[in-house]
């Protein structure tokens, strides 16, 4: 399977091509540059893999939660490519992508509390556990939601925190006790690609109409 993945849901902008064990990615932190960077990144990863758009088998994107503007940019490009080429399209949660990224740093991670700064004194957050019985290899322990950081339960034993919510509100999220969390981590297209491939391999159809952004909060925050 030749899969193109996009991520524009937070401060990072990235595009990745995944086929077998080969993964090529472009990634840059530039919160206001997603619309300028994304298509260039797509063309760059396709050029490095020597793929044409017609060679793609599926497209994936970070469906959020995160920046409303960023999510719309990534979703629009992904939907345009998938619709134009009649390809499966898979939306992947930004919080699950963050959890997947923890595996790159901590091999033995079993559970993650992912939190993204939602501005307005709030965080988007969820709790996930690794589960080989789930198609994505992750199980939602608490579904994505938005709240003040003080409403997020403290980490359980063995659970790891990750995301920009932790960067901003670590002391509150930790609840005044020692907590293991990874700083300066953002969702990336490489993680979106890995999760999307698992879902497609498990039988997800990837109808483009069904791959919708997940805003969690209806107010526009940028």
N, C-alpha and C. Protein backbone atom coordinates (compact mmCIF):
# COMPACT_ATOMS: atom_id res chain seq x y z
N UNK A 1 0.84 -1.19 0.00
CA UNK A 1 0.00 0.00 0.00
C UNK A 1 0.88 1.25 0.00
N UNK A 2 0.58 2.17 -0.89
CA UNK A 2 1.27 3.45 -0.94
C UNK A 2 0.34 4.51 -0.38
N UNK A 3 0.72 5.05 0.77
CA UNK A 3 -0.18 5.91 1.52
C UNK A 3 0.44 7.29 1.71
N UNK A 4 -0.35 8.33 1.44
CA UNK A 4 0.05 9.71 1.70
C UNK A 4 -0.69 10.19 2.93
N UNK A 5 0.03 10.77 3.90
CA UNK A 5 -0.59 11.27 5.13
C UNK A 5 -0.22 12.73 5.34
N UNK A 6 -1.18 13.49 5.89
CA UNK A 6 -1.00 14.91 6.14
C UNK A 6 -1.33 15.23 7.59
N UNK A 7 -0.62 16.20 8.16
CA UNK A 7 -0.93 16.65 9.52
C UNK A 7 -0.74 18.15 9.62
N UNK A 8 -1.83 18.84 9.93
CA UNK A 8 -1.80 20.29 10.09
C UNK A 8 -2.62 20.73 11.30
N UNK A 9 -2.90 19.83 12.22
CA UNK A 9 -3.86 20.11 13.29
C UNK A 9 -3.30 20.96 14.43
N UNK A 10 -1.98 21.04 14.55
CA UNK A 10 -1.39 21.83 15.64
C UNK A 10 -0.29 22.72 15.07
N UNK A 11 0.70 23.08 15.88
CA UNK A 11 1.75 23.98 15.42
C UNK A 11 2.60 23.38 14.31
N UNK A 12 2.69 22.06 14.25
CA UNK A 12 3.49 21.39 13.24
C UNK A 12 2.72 21.20 11.95
N UNK A 13 3.46 21.24 10.84
CA UNK A 13 2.90 20.93 9.53
C UNK A 13 3.76 19.83 8.94
N UNK A 14 3.12 18.76 8.44
CA UNK A 14 3.91 17.65 7.91
C UNK A 14 3.15 16.87 6.87
N UNK A 15 3.92 16.21 6.01
CA UNK A 15 3.38 15.28 5.01
C UNK A 15 4.31 14.08 4.97
N UNK A 16 3.74 12.90 4.76
CA UNK A 16 4.55 11.68 4.76
C UNK A 16 4.02 10.71 3.73
N UNK A 17 4.93 9.94 3.15
CA UNK A 17 4.60 8.82 2.28
C UNK A 17 5.06 7.54 2.96
N UNK A 18 4.18 6.55 3.03
CA UNK A 18 4.50 5.29 3.68
C UNK A 18 4.18 4.14 2.75
N UNK A 19 5.16 3.24 2.58
CA UNK A 19 4.96 2.00 1.81
C UNK A 19 5.87 0.95 2.41
N UNK A 20 5.28 -0.14 2.89
CA UNK A 20 6.09 -1.16 3.54
C UNK A 20 6.81 -0.58 4.73
N UNK A 21 8.12 -0.78 4.80
CA UNK A 21 8.92 -0.23 5.90
C UNK A 21 9.53 1.13 5.54
N UNK A 22 9.24 1.61 4.34
CA UNK A 22 9.81 2.87 3.89
C UNK A 22 8.88 4.04 4.22
N UNK A 23 9.42 5.05 4.92
CA UNK A 23 8.65 6.22 5.27
C UNK A 23 9.47 7.47 5.00
N UNK A 24 8.89 8.39 4.25
CA UNK A 24 9.53 9.67 3.94
C UNK A 24 8.62 10.76 4.47
N UNK A 25 9.20 11.74 5.20
CA UNK A 25 8.38 12.77 5.82
C UNK A 25 9.05 14.14 5.69
N UNK A 26 8.21 15.16 5.59
CA UNK A 26 8.64 16.54 5.74
C UNK A 26 7.87 17.12 6.92
N UNK A 27 8.58 17.82 7.79
CA UNK A 27 7.96 18.29 9.04
C UNK A 27 8.57 19.63 9.41
N UNK A 28 7.72 20.57 9.79
CA UNK A 28 8.20 21.88 10.18
C UNK A 28 7.23 22.50 11.18
N UNK A 29 7.79 23.14 12.22
CA UNK A 29 6.98 23.89 13.18
C UNK A 29 6.83 25.30 12.65
N UNK A 30 5.63 25.67 12.26
CA UNK A 30 5.33 27.03 11.79
C UNK A 30 3.82 27.22 11.84
N UNK A 31 3.30 27.64 12.98
CA UNK A 31 1.85 27.67 13.20
C UNK A 31 1.06 28.44 12.17
N UNK A 32 1.62 29.48 11.60
CA UNK A 32 0.88 30.29 10.65
C UNK A 32 1.21 29.97 9.19
N UNK A 33 1.96 28.89 8.96
CA UNK A 33 2.43 28.64 7.60
C UNK A 33 1.87 27.40 6.93
N UNK A 34 0.84 26.78 7.53
CA UNK A 34 0.36 25.50 7.01
C UNK A 34 -0.13 25.60 5.56
N UNK A 35 -0.90 26.63 5.25
CA UNK A 35 -1.45 26.74 3.90
C UNK A 35 -0.34 26.97 2.87
N UNK A 36 0.74 27.60 3.27
CA UNK A 36 1.87 27.85 2.37
C UNK A 36 2.76 26.61 2.23
N UNK A 37 2.91 25.85 3.31
CA UNK A 37 3.88 24.75 3.32
C UNK A 37 3.35 23.43 2.80
N UNK A 38 2.07 23.14 3.05
CA UNK A 38 1.58 21.76 2.92
C UNK A 38 1.73 21.20 1.51
N UNK A 39 1.26 21.90 0.49
CA UNK A 39 1.33 21.35 -0.86
C UNK A 39 2.78 21.18 -1.32
N UNK A 40 3.65 22.09 -0.90
CA UNK A 40 5.08 21.93 -1.22
C UNK A 40 5.63 20.66 -0.58
N UNK A 41 5.23 20.41 0.67
CA UNK A 41 5.67 19.19 1.35
C UNK A 41 5.15 17.94 0.65
N UNK A 42 3.90 17.98 0.21
CA UNK A 42 3.33 16.83 -0.51
C UNK A 42 4.14 16.54 -1.76
N UNK A 43 4.42 17.57 -2.54
CA UNK A 43 5.18 17.36 -3.76
C UNK A 43 6.59 16.88 -3.45
N UNK A 44 7.18 17.34 -2.34
CA UNK A 44 8.53 16.94 -1.97
C UNK A 44 8.61 15.47 -1.59
N UNK A 45 7.66 14.98 -0.78
CA UNK A 45 7.71 13.57 -0.39
C UNK A 45 7.38 12.66 -1.58
N UNK A 46 6.48 13.10 -2.44
CA UNK A 46 6.19 12.30 -3.63
C UNK A 46 7.41 12.23 -4.54
N UNK A 47 8.11 13.35 -4.67
CA UNK A 47 9.30 13.37 -5.53
C UNK A 47 10.39 12.45 -4.97
N UNK A 48 10.58 12.46 -3.64
CA UNK A 48 11.63 11.62 -3.06
C UNK A 48 11.32 10.14 -3.22
N UNK A 49 10.05 9.78 -3.16
CA UNK A 49 9.68 8.38 -3.34
C UNK A 49 9.51 8.00 -4.80
N UNK A 50 9.60 9.01 -5.68
CA UNK A 50 9.41 8.81 -7.13
C UNK A 50 8.00 8.30 -7.45
N UNK A 51 7.02 8.72 -6.62
CA UNK A 51 5.63 8.37 -6.89
C UNK A 51 4.95 9.53 -7.62
N UNK A 52 4.02 9.17 -8.47
CA UNK A 52 3.06 10.14 -8.99
C UNK A 52 1.82 10.07 -8.11
N UNK A 53 0.99 11.08 -8.15
CA UNK A 53 -0.24 11.02 -7.36
C UNK A 53 -1.09 9.82 -7.76
N UNK A 54 -1.03 9.46 -9.03
CA UNK A 54 -1.81 8.32 -9.50
C UNK A 54 -1.31 6.99 -8.93
N UNK A 55 -0.11 6.98 -8.37
CA UNK A 55 0.43 5.76 -7.77
C UNK A 55 -0.11 5.51 -6.37
N UNK A 56 -0.75 6.51 -5.76
CA UNK A 56 -1.21 6.39 -4.39
C UNK A 56 -2.37 5.40 -4.28
N UNK A 57 -2.41 4.70 -3.15
CA UNK A 57 -3.50 3.77 -2.85
C UNK A 57 -4.48 4.32 -1.82
N UNK A 58 -4.05 5.30 -1.01
CA UNK A 58 -4.91 5.85 0.03
C UNK A 58 -4.32 7.15 0.53
N UNK A 59 -5.18 7.94 1.17
CA UNK A 59 -4.78 9.22 1.76
C UNK A 59 -5.28 9.25 3.21
N UNK A 60 -4.50 9.85 4.10
CA UNK A 60 -4.90 9.99 5.50
C UNK A 60 -4.59 11.41 5.95
N UNK A 61 -5.34 11.87 6.95
CA UNK A 61 -5.08 13.21 7.49
C UNK A 61 -5.41 13.23 8.98
N UNK A 62 -4.83 14.20 9.67
CA UNK A 62 -5.10 14.41 11.08
C UNK A 62 -6.44 15.12 11.18
N UNK A 63 -7.44 14.44 11.72
CA UNK A 63 -8.79 14.97 11.78
C UNK A 63 -9.05 15.83 13.02
N UNK A 64 -8.05 15.99 13.89
CA UNK A 64 -8.23 16.80 15.08
C UNK A 64 -8.49 15.93 16.30
N UNK A 65 -8.74 16.57 17.43
CA UNK A 65 -8.92 18.01 17.63
C UNK A 65 -7.62 18.79 17.57
N UNK A 66 -7.78 20.10 17.43
CA UNK A 66 -6.64 20.99 17.33
C UNK A 66 -7.08 22.33 16.80
N UNK A 67 -6.21 22.99 16.06
CA UNK A 67 -6.52 24.28 15.46
C UNK A 67 -7.61 24.13 14.40
N UNK A 68 -8.68 24.90 14.53
CA UNK A 68 -9.76 24.83 13.54
C UNK A 68 -9.23 25.13 12.14
N UNK A 69 -8.44 26.19 12.02
CA UNK A 69 -7.90 26.57 10.71
C UNK A 69 -6.98 25.49 10.17
N UNK A 70 -6.10 24.99 11.02
CA UNK A 70 -5.17 23.96 10.58
C UNK A 70 -5.87 22.70 10.13
N UNK A 71 -6.86 22.26 10.90
CA UNK A 71 -7.60 21.04 10.54
C UNK A 71 -8.27 21.22 9.19
N UNK A 72 -8.88 22.38 8.95
CA UNK A 72 -9.56 22.61 7.68
C UNK A 72 -8.59 22.58 6.51
N UNK A 73 -7.39 23.11 6.71
CA UNK A 73 -6.40 23.09 5.63
C UNK A 73 -6.04 21.66 5.26
N UNK A 74 -5.70 20.86 6.28
CA UNK A 74 -5.31 19.47 6.01
C UNK A 74 -6.46 18.65 5.45
N UNK A 75 -7.65 18.83 6.00
CA UNK A 75 -8.81 18.07 5.53
C UNK A 75 -9.14 18.44 4.09
N UNK A 76 -9.05 19.73 3.77
CA UNK A 76 -9.38 20.16 2.42
C UNK A 76 -8.43 19.57 1.38
N UNK A 77 -7.14 19.59 1.68
CA UNK A 77 -6.16 19.03 0.74
C UNK A 77 -6.34 17.52 0.62
N UNK A 78 -6.51 16.86 1.75
CA UNK A 78 -6.67 15.40 1.73
C UNK A 78 -7.93 14.99 0.97
N UNK A 79 -9.02 15.68 1.22
CA UNK A 79 -10.27 15.36 0.53
C UNK A 79 -10.16 15.63 -0.96
N UNK A 80 -9.48 16.71 -1.32
CA UNK A 80 -9.30 17.02 -2.73
C UNK A 80 -8.53 15.94 -3.47
N UNK A 81 -7.44 15.48 -2.87
CA UNK A 81 -6.63 14.43 -3.50
C UNK A 81 -7.41 13.12 -3.57
N UNK A 82 -8.04 12.75 -2.46
CA UNK A 82 -8.78 11.48 -2.41
C UNK A 82 -9.94 11.47 -3.38
N UNK A 83 -10.69 12.57 -3.42
CA UNK A 83 -11.84 12.64 -4.33
C UNK A 83 -11.40 12.65 -5.78
N UNK A 84 -10.35 13.43 -6.06
CA UNK A 84 -9.89 13.53 -7.44
C UNK A 84 -9.35 12.22 -7.99
N UNK A 85 -8.74 11.42 -7.13
CA UNK A 85 -8.14 10.15 -7.57
C UNK A 85 -9.00 8.94 -7.19
N UNK A 86 -10.15 9.20 -6.56
CA UNK A 86 -11.06 8.13 -6.12
C UNK A 86 -10.34 7.14 -5.20
N UNK A 87 -9.70 7.70 -4.16
CA UNK A 87 -8.92 6.89 -3.22
C UNK A 87 -9.61 6.83 -1.87
N UNK A 88 -9.36 5.78 -1.10
CA UNK A 88 -9.82 5.75 0.30
C UNK A 88 -9.19 6.90 1.07
N UNK A 89 -9.96 7.45 2.02
CA UNK A 89 -9.49 8.55 2.86
C UNK A 89 -9.77 8.21 4.32
N UNK A 90 -8.76 8.33 5.15
CA UNK A 90 -8.89 7.97 6.56
C UNK A 90 -8.53 9.17 7.43
N UNK A 91 -9.41 9.53 8.37
CA UNK A 91 -9.11 10.54 9.35
C UNK A 91 -8.59 9.89 10.63
N UNK A 92 -7.52 10.43 11.18
CA UNK A 92 -6.89 9.89 12.40
C UNK A 92 -6.89 10.97 13.47
N UNK A 93 -7.20 10.61 14.69
CA UNK A 93 -7.22 11.57 15.79
C UNK A 93 -5.82 12.10 16.09
N UNK A 94 -5.74 13.41 16.29
CA UNK A 94 -4.47 14.02 16.69
C UNK A 94 -3.98 13.47 18.02
N UNK A 95 -4.92 13.13 18.91
CA UNK A 95 -4.54 12.62 20.23
C UNK A 95 -4.00 11.20 20.13
N UNK A 96 -4.57 10.40 19.22
CA UNK A 96 -4.02 9.06 19.00
C UNK A 96 -2.66 9.15 18.32
N UNK A 97 -2.50 10.11 17.41
CA UNK A 97 -1.19 10.29 16.77
C UNK A 97 -0.13 10.67 17.81
N UNK A 98 -0.50 11.51 18.76
CA UNK A 98 0.44 11.84 19.85
C UNK A 98 0.83 10.60 20.64
N UNK A 99 -0.17 9.76 20.94
CA UNK A 99 0.12 8.53 21.68
C UNK A 99 1.06 7.63 20.89
N UNK A 100 0.82 7.52 19.59
CA UNK A 100 1.69 6.70 18.74
C UNK A 100 3.12 7.24 18.76
N UNK A 101 3.26 8.57 18.81
CA UNK A 101 4.59 9.16 18.85
C UNK A 101 5.36 8.82 20.10
N UNK A 102 4.66 8.58 21.20
CA UNK A 102 5.34 8.21 22.45
C UNK A 102 6.10 6.90 22.27
N UNK A 103 5.55 5.99 21.46
CA UNK A 103 6.18 4.69 21.24
C UNK A 103 7.57 4.85 20.65
N UNK A 104 7.78 5.92 19.86
CA UNK A 104 9.10 6.15 19.27
C UNK A 104 10.15 6.46 20.33
N UNK A 105 9.70 6.93 21.50
CA UNK A 105 10.62 7.32 22.57
C UNK A 105 10.64 6.31 23.71
N UNK A 106 9.47 5.76 24.03
CA UNK A 106 9.35 4.83 25.16
C UNK A 106 8.76 3.51 24.64
N UNK A 107 9.60 2.53 24.40
CA UNK A 107 9.15 1.27 23.79
C UNK A 107 8.10 0.55 24.62
N UNK A 108 8.20 0.68 25.92
CA UNK A 108 7.34 -0.10 26.80
C UNK A 108 6.07 0.64 27.23
N UNK A 109 5.76 1.76 26.59
CA UNK A 109 4.60 2.54 27.00
C UNK A 109 3.33 1.70 26.88
N UNK A 110 2.49 1.77 27.91
CA UNK A 110 1.23 1.02 27.91
C UNK A 110 0.02 1.94 27.88
N UNK A 111 0.18 3.16 28.41
CA UNK A 111 -0.95 4.08 28.47
C UNK A 111 -0.46 5.51 28.34
N UNK A 112 -1.30 6.35 27.73
CA UNK A 112 -0.92 7.74 27.45
C UNK A 112 -2.08 8.66 27.78
N UNK A 113 -1.77 9.80 28.38
CA UNK A 113 -2.72 10.91 28.50
C UNK A 113 -2.23 12.00 27.56
N UNK A 114 -2.90 12.14 26.42
CA UNK A 114 -2.52 13.13 25.42
C UNK A 114 -3.34 14.39 25.63
N UNK A 115 -2.68 15.54 25.61
CA UNK A 115 -3.36 16.81 25.83
C UNK A 115 -2.78 17.88 24.90
N UNK A 116 -3.66 18.57 24.19
CA UNK A 116 -3.27 19.63 23.25
C UNK A 116 -3.81 20.96 23.78
N UNK A 117 -2.98 21.97 23.77
CA UNK A 117 -3.41 23.30 24.20
C UNK A 117 -4.55 23.77 23.30
N UNK A 118 -5.72 24.01 23.89
CA UNK A 118 -6.89 24.45 23.14
C UNK A 118 -7.12 25.95 23.27
N UNK A 119 -6.17 26.66 23.88
CA UNK A 119 -6.30 28.08 24.15
C UNK A 119 -7.49 28.32 25.08
N UNK A 120 -7.74 29.58 25.38
CA UNK A 120 -8.86 29.94 26.25
C UNK A 120 -8.79 29.21 27.60
N UNK A 121 -7.56 28.86 28.03
CA UNK A 121 -7.38 28.20 29.32
C UNK A 121 -7.86 26.77 29.34
N UNK A 122 -7.95 26.10 28.17
CA UNK A 122 -8.46 24.74 28.09
C UNK A 122 -7.50 23.84 27.32
N UNK A 123 -7.75 22.53 27.43
CA UNK A 123 -6.97 21.54 26.67
C UNK A 123 -7.93 20.54 26.02
N UNK A 124 -7.56 20.08 24.85
CA UNK A 124 -8.18 18.89 24.27
C UNK A 124 -7.42 17.70 24.83
N UNK A 125 -8.12 16.71 25.33
CA UNK A 125 -7.39 15.60 25.94
C UNK A 125 -8.15 14.29 25.81
N UNK A 126 -7.40 13.22 25.96
CA UNK A 126 -7.97 11.87 25.97
C UNK A 126 -6.96 10.95 26.62
N UNK A 127 -7.44 9.78 27.04
CA UNK A 127 -6.55 8.75 27.59
C UNK A 127 -6.65 7.52 26.69
N UNK A 128 -5.50 6.95 26.39
CA UNK A 128 -5.43 5.80 25.50
C UNK A 128 -4.54 4.73 26.09
N UNK A 129 -4.84 3.47 25.77
CA UNK A 129 -4.01 2.35 26.18
C UNK A 129 -3.68 1.50 24.97
N UNK A 130 -2.47 0.99 24.93
CA UNK A 130 -2.10 0.09 23.84
C UNK A 130 -2.89 -1.21 23.98
N UNK A 131 -3.45 -1.65 22.85
CA UNK A 131 -4.32 -2.83 22.89
C UNK A 131 -4.20 -3.58 21.56
N UNK A 132 -3.58 -4.75 21.55
CA UNK A 132 -3.40 -5.50 20.31
C UNK A 132 -4.71 -6.00 19.70
N UNK A 133 -5.79 -5.92 20.46
CA UNK A 133 -7.09 -6.36 19.94
C UNK A 133 -7.83 -5.26 19.19
N UNK A 134 -7.30 -4.05 19.24
CA UNK A 134 -7.90 -2.93 18.52
C UNK A 134 -7.23 -2.76 17.16
N UNK A 135 -8.01 -2.36 16.17
CA UNK A 135 -7.48 -2.21 14.81
C UNK A 135 -6.33 -1.22 14.76
N UNK A 136 -6.45 -0.11 15.49
CA UNK A 136 -5.40 0.91 15.49
C UNK A 136 -4.28 0.59 16.47
N UNK A 137 -4.45 -0.49 17.25
CA UNK A 137 -3.56 -0.89 18.34
C UNK A 137 -3.63 0.06 19.52
N UNK A 138 -4.64 0.94 19.52
CA UNK A 138 -4.90 1.83 20.65
C UNK A 138 -6.36 1.75 21.02
N UNK A 139 -6.65 1.76 22.32
CA UNK A 139 -8.02 1.76 22.83
C UNK A 139 -8.26 3.05 23.61
N UNK A 140 -9.42 3.65 23.35
CA UNK A 140 -9.78 4.86 24.08
C UNK A 140 -10.21 4.48 25.50
N UNK A 141 -9.50 4.97 26.50
CA UNK A 141 -9.92 4.80 27.89
C UNK A 141 -10.86 5.94 28.29
N UNK A 142 -10.56 7.14 27.78
CA UNK A 142 -11.46 8.29 27.90
C UNK A 142 -11.43 9.00 26.57
N UNK A 143 -12.60 9.20 25.98
CA UNK A 143 -12.71 9.76 24.64
C UNK A 143 -12.27 11.22 24.60
N UNK A 144 -11.88 11.71 23.41
CA UNK A 144 -11.46 13.10 23.29
C UNK A 144 -12.52 14.08 23.77
N UNK A 145 -12.06 15.07 24.52
CA UNK A 145 -12.95 16.09 25.04
C UNK A 145 -12.15 17.36 25.29
N UNK A 146 -12.83 18.44 25.64
CA UNK A 146 -12.16 19.69 25.96
C UNK A 146 -12.58 20.12 27.36
N UNK A 147 -11.62 20.61 28.15
CA UNK A 147 -11.92 21.07 29.50
C UNK A 147 -10.76 21.91 29.99
N UNK A 148 -10.93 22.49 31.16
CA UNK A 148 -9.81 23.13 31.82
C UNK A 148 -8.81 22.07 32.24
N UNK A 149 -7.53 22.38 32.30
CA UNK A 149 -6.53 21.37 32.67
C UNK A 149 -6.75 20.79 34.06
N UNK A 150 -7.38 21.57 34.95
CA UNK A 150 -7.61 21.08 36.30
C UNK A 150 -8.63 19.95 36.34
N UNK A 151 -9.42 19.78 35.26
CA UNK A 151 -10.43 18.73 35.20
C UNK A 151 -9.88 17.40 34.68
N UNK A 152 -8.63 17.40 34.19
CA UNK A 152 -8.02 16.18 33.68
C UNK A 152 -7.50 15.35 34.85
N UNK A 153 -7.92 14.09 34.98
CA UNK A 153 -7.42 13.27 36.09
C UNK A 153 -5.91 13.12 36.04
N UNK A 154 -5.28 13.04 37.19
CA UNK A 154 -3.82 12.89 37.24
C UNK A 154 -3.42 11.55 36.62
N UNK A 155 -2.18 11.46 36.21
CA UNK A 155 -1.70 10.25 35.55
C UNK A 155 -1.79 9.04 36.47
N UNK A 156 -2.19 7.93 35.88
CA UNK A 156 -2.16 6.66 36.60
C UNK A 156 -0.73 6.13 36.60
N UNK A 157 -0.47 5.14 37.40
CA UNK A 157 0.86 4.52 37.44
C UNK A 157 1.19 3.94 36.07
N UNK A 158 2.35 4.31 35.53
CA UNK A 158 2.78 3.81 34.23
C UNK A 158 2.27 4.60 33.06
N UNK A 159 1.40 5.58 33.29
CA UNK A 159 0.85 6.40 32.21
C UNK A 159 1.80 7.56 31.92
N UNK A 160 1.88 7.95 30.64
CA UNK A 160 2.79 9.00 30.21
C UNK A 160 1.99 10.14 29.60
N UNK A 161 2.35 11.37 29.94
CA UNK A 161 1.71 12.54 29.36
C UNK A 161 2.45 13.02 28.12
N UNK A 162 1.71 13.61 27.17
CA UNK A 162 2.33 14.10 25.95
C UNK A 162 1.43 15.16 25.32
N UNK A 163 2.04 16.11 24.62
CA UNK A 163 1.29 17.11 23.90
C UNK A 163 1.50 18.52 24.41
N UNK A 164 1.08 19.50 23.61
CA UNK A 164 1.30 20.91 23.96
C UNK A 164 0.53 21.33 25.20
N UNK A 165 -0.54 20.59 25.54
CA UNK A 165 -1.24 20.87 26.79
C UNK A 165 -0.34 20.65 27.98
N UNK A 166 0.49 19.61 27.90
CA UNK A 166 1.45 19.35 28.98
C UNK A 166 2.55 20.42 28.99
N UNK A 167 2.96 20.86 27.81
CA UNK A 167 3.98 21.91 27.77
C UNK A 167 3.51 23.16 28.51
N UNK A 168 2.23 23.47 28.38
CA UNK A 168 1.71 24.71 28.97
C UNK A 168 1.20 24.53 30.39
N UNK A 169 0.62 23.38 30.69
CA UNK A 169 -0.06 23.21 31.97
C UNK A 169 0.47 22.02 32.77
N UNK A 170 1.74 21.71 32.64
CA UNK A 170 2.29 20.50 33.26
C UNK A 170 2.03 20.45 34.76
N UNK A 171 2.21 21.57 35.43
CA UNK A 171 2.06 21.57 36.88
C UNK A 171 0.61 21.25 37.28
N UNK A 172 -0.33 21.82 36.53
CA UNK A 172 -1.74 21.57 36.83
C UNK A 172 -2.12 20.14 36.48
N UNK A 173 -1.70 19.68 35.30
CA UNK A 173 -2.04 18.33 34.86
C UNK A 173 -1.42 17.27 35.77
N UNK A 174 -0.25 17.55 36.28
CA UNK A 174 0.42 16.59 37.16
C UNK A 174 -0.23 16.53 38.53
N UNK A 175 -1.03 17.53 38.86
CA UNK A 175 -1.72 17.53 40.15
C UNK A 175 -0.80 17.66 41.34
N UNK A 176 0.35 18.29 41.11
CA UNK A 176 1.27 18.51 42.22
C UNK A 176 2.11 17.30 42.60
N UNK A 177 2.06 16.24 41.82
CA UNK A 177 2.88 15.06 42.10
C UNK A 177 3.83 14.81 40.92
N UNK A 178 4.83 13.98 41.13
CA UNK A 178 5.77 13.66 40.06
C UNK A 178 5.03 12.95 38.93
N UNK A 179 5.28 13.38 37.70
CA UNK A 179 4.60 12.79 36.55
C UNK A 179 5.57 12.66 35.39
N UNK A 180 5.45 11.58 34.64
CA UNK A 180 6.30 11.39 33.46
C UNK A 180 5.58 11.92 32.24
N UNK A 181 6.18 12.92 31.60
CA UNK A 181 5.59 13.45 30.38
C UNK A 181 6.70 13.89 29.44
N UNK A 182 6.39 13.88 28.15
CA UNK A 182 7.38 14.19 27.12
C UNK A 182 7.16 15.60 26.60
N UNK A 183 8.16 16.46 26.66
CA UNK A 183 7.99 17.86 26.24
C UNK A 183 8.10 18.04 24.73
N UNK A 184 7.46 19.12 24.24
CA UNK A 184 7.60 19.60 22.87
C UNK A 184 7.31 18.51 21.85
N UNK A 185 6.20 17.82 22.03
CA UNK A 185 5.77 16.79 21.09
C UNK A 185 4.48 17.24 20.40
N UNK A 186 4.43 17.08 19.09
CA UNK A 186 3.25 17.43 18.32
C UNK A 186 2.87 16.24 17.43
N UNK A 187 1.61 16.13 17.05
CA UNK A 187 1.24 15.07 16.10
C UNK A 187 2.01 15.27 14.79
N UNK A 188 2.32 14.16 14.13
CA UNK A 188 3.06 14.22 12.87
C UNK A 188 2.44 13.28 11.85
N UNK A 189 2.69 13.60 10.58
CA UNK A 189 2.12 12.81 9.49
C UNK A 189 2.62 11.36 9.53
N UNK A 190 3.83 11.13 10.00
CA UNK A 190 4.36 9.77 10.07
C UNK A 190 3.50 8.90 10.98
N UNK A 191 3.03 9.47 12.08
CA UNK A 191 2.18 8.72 13.01
C UNK A 191 0.78 8.53 12.43
N UNK A 192 0.27 9.54 11.76
CA UNK A 192 -1.02 9.43 11.08
C UNK A 192 -0.97 8.32 10.04
N UNK A 193 0.13 8.23 9.29
CA UNK A 193 0.26 7.21 8.25
C UNK A 193 0.26 5.81 8.84
N UNK A 194 1.01 5.61 9.91
CA UNK A 194 1.10 4.29 10.53
C UNK A 194 -0.26 3.82 11.04
N UNK A 195 -0.98 4.72 11.72
CA UNK A 195 -2.29 4.36 12.26
C UNK A 195 -3.28 4.11 11.13
N UNK A 196 -3.27 4.97 10.11
CA UNK A 196 -4.19 4.81 8.99
C UNK A 196 -3.97 3.49 8.27
N UNK A 197 -2.72 3.09 8.10
CA UNK A 197 -2.47 1.81 7.44
C UNK A 197 -3.02 0.65 8.25
N UNK A 198 -2.87 0.72 9.56
CA UNK A 198 -3.45 -0.35 10.40
C UNK A 198 -4.96 -0.43 10.19
N UNK A 199 -5.60 0.73 10.17
CA UNK A 199 -7.06 0.75 10.01
C UNK A 199 -7.48 0.20 8.65
N UNK A 200 -6.77 0.58 7.61
CA UNK A 200 -7.10 0.09 6.27
C UNK A 200 -6.82 -1.41 6.16
N UNK A 201 -5.74 -1.86 6.76
CA UNK A 201 -5.42 -3.29 6.74
C UNK A 201 -6.47 -4.11 7.48
N UNK A 202 -7.13 -3.47 8.46
CA UNK A 202 -8.14 -4.19 9.25
C UNK A 202 -9.51 -4.19 8.59
N UNK A 203 -9.63 -3.48 7.47
CA UNK A 203 -10.91 -3.51 6.75
C UNK A 203 -11.65 -2.20 6.68
N UNK A 204 -11.09 -1.12 7.25
CA UNK A 204 -11.73 0.18 7.11
C UNK A 204 -11.84 0.54 5.64
N UNK A 205 -13.02 0.96 5.21
CA UNK A 205 -13.23 1.23 3.78
C UNK A 205 -12.65 2.56 3.35
N UNK A 206 -12.63 3.54 4.25
CA UNK A 206 -12.04 4.82 3.91
C UNK A 206 -12.86 5.63 2.93
N UNK A 207 -14.18 5.59 3.03
CA UNK A 207 -15.02 6.42 2.17
C UNK A 207 -14.74 7.89 2.49
N UNK A 208 -14.45 8.70 1.48
CA UNK A 208 -14.02 10.07 1.75
C UNK A 208 -15.12 10.88 2.44
N UNK A 209 -16.37 10.54 2.18
CA UNK A 209 -17.47 11.29 2.80
C UNK A 209 -17.52 11.07 4.31
N UNK A 210 -16.99 9.94 4.77
CA UNK A 210 -17.06 9.59 6.19
C UNK A 210 -15.88 10.13 6.99
N UNK A 211 -14.83 10.59 6.30
CA UNK A 211 -13.62 11.07 6.98
C UNK A 211 -13.78 12.55 7.29
N UNK A 212 -14.42 12.84 8.40
CA UNK A 212 -14.75 14.21 8.76
C UNK A 212 -13.85 14.72 9.89
N UNK A 213 -13.57 16.04 9.89
CA UNK A 213 -12.82 16.62 11.01
C UNK A 213 -13.53 16.43 12.34
N UNK A 214 -12.74 16.34 13.42
CA UNK A 214 -13.28 16.20 14.77
C UNK A 214 -12.86 17.43 15.55
N UNK A 215 -13.75 18.39 15.68
CA UNK A 215 -13.38 19.64 16.32
C UNK A 215 -13.49 19.58 17.84
N UNK A 216 -14.37 18.75 18.38
CA UNK A 216 -14.64 18.62 19.82
C UNK A 216 -15.31 19.87 20.38
N UNK A 217 -14.72 21.03 20.10
CA UNK A 217 -15.33 22.29 20.55
C UNK A 217 -15.80 23.05 19.32
N UNK A 218 -16.99 23.63 19.38
CA UNK A 218 -17.58 24.29 18.22
C UNK A 218 -17.09 25.71 18.02
N UNK A 219 -16.52 26.34 19.05
CA UNK A 219 -16.04 27.69 18.91
C UNK A 219 -14.73 27.69 18.13
N UNK A 220 -14.61 28.65 17.21
CA UNK A 220 -13.40 28.77 16.43
C UNK A 220 -12.30 29.36 17.29
N UNK A 221 -11.14 28.69 17.33
CA UNK A 221 -10.02 29.17 18.15
C UNK A 221 -8.80 29.46 17.32
N UNK A 222 -8.83 29.24 16.01
CA UNK A 222 -7.70 29.53 15.17
C UNK A 222 -6.80 28.35 14.94
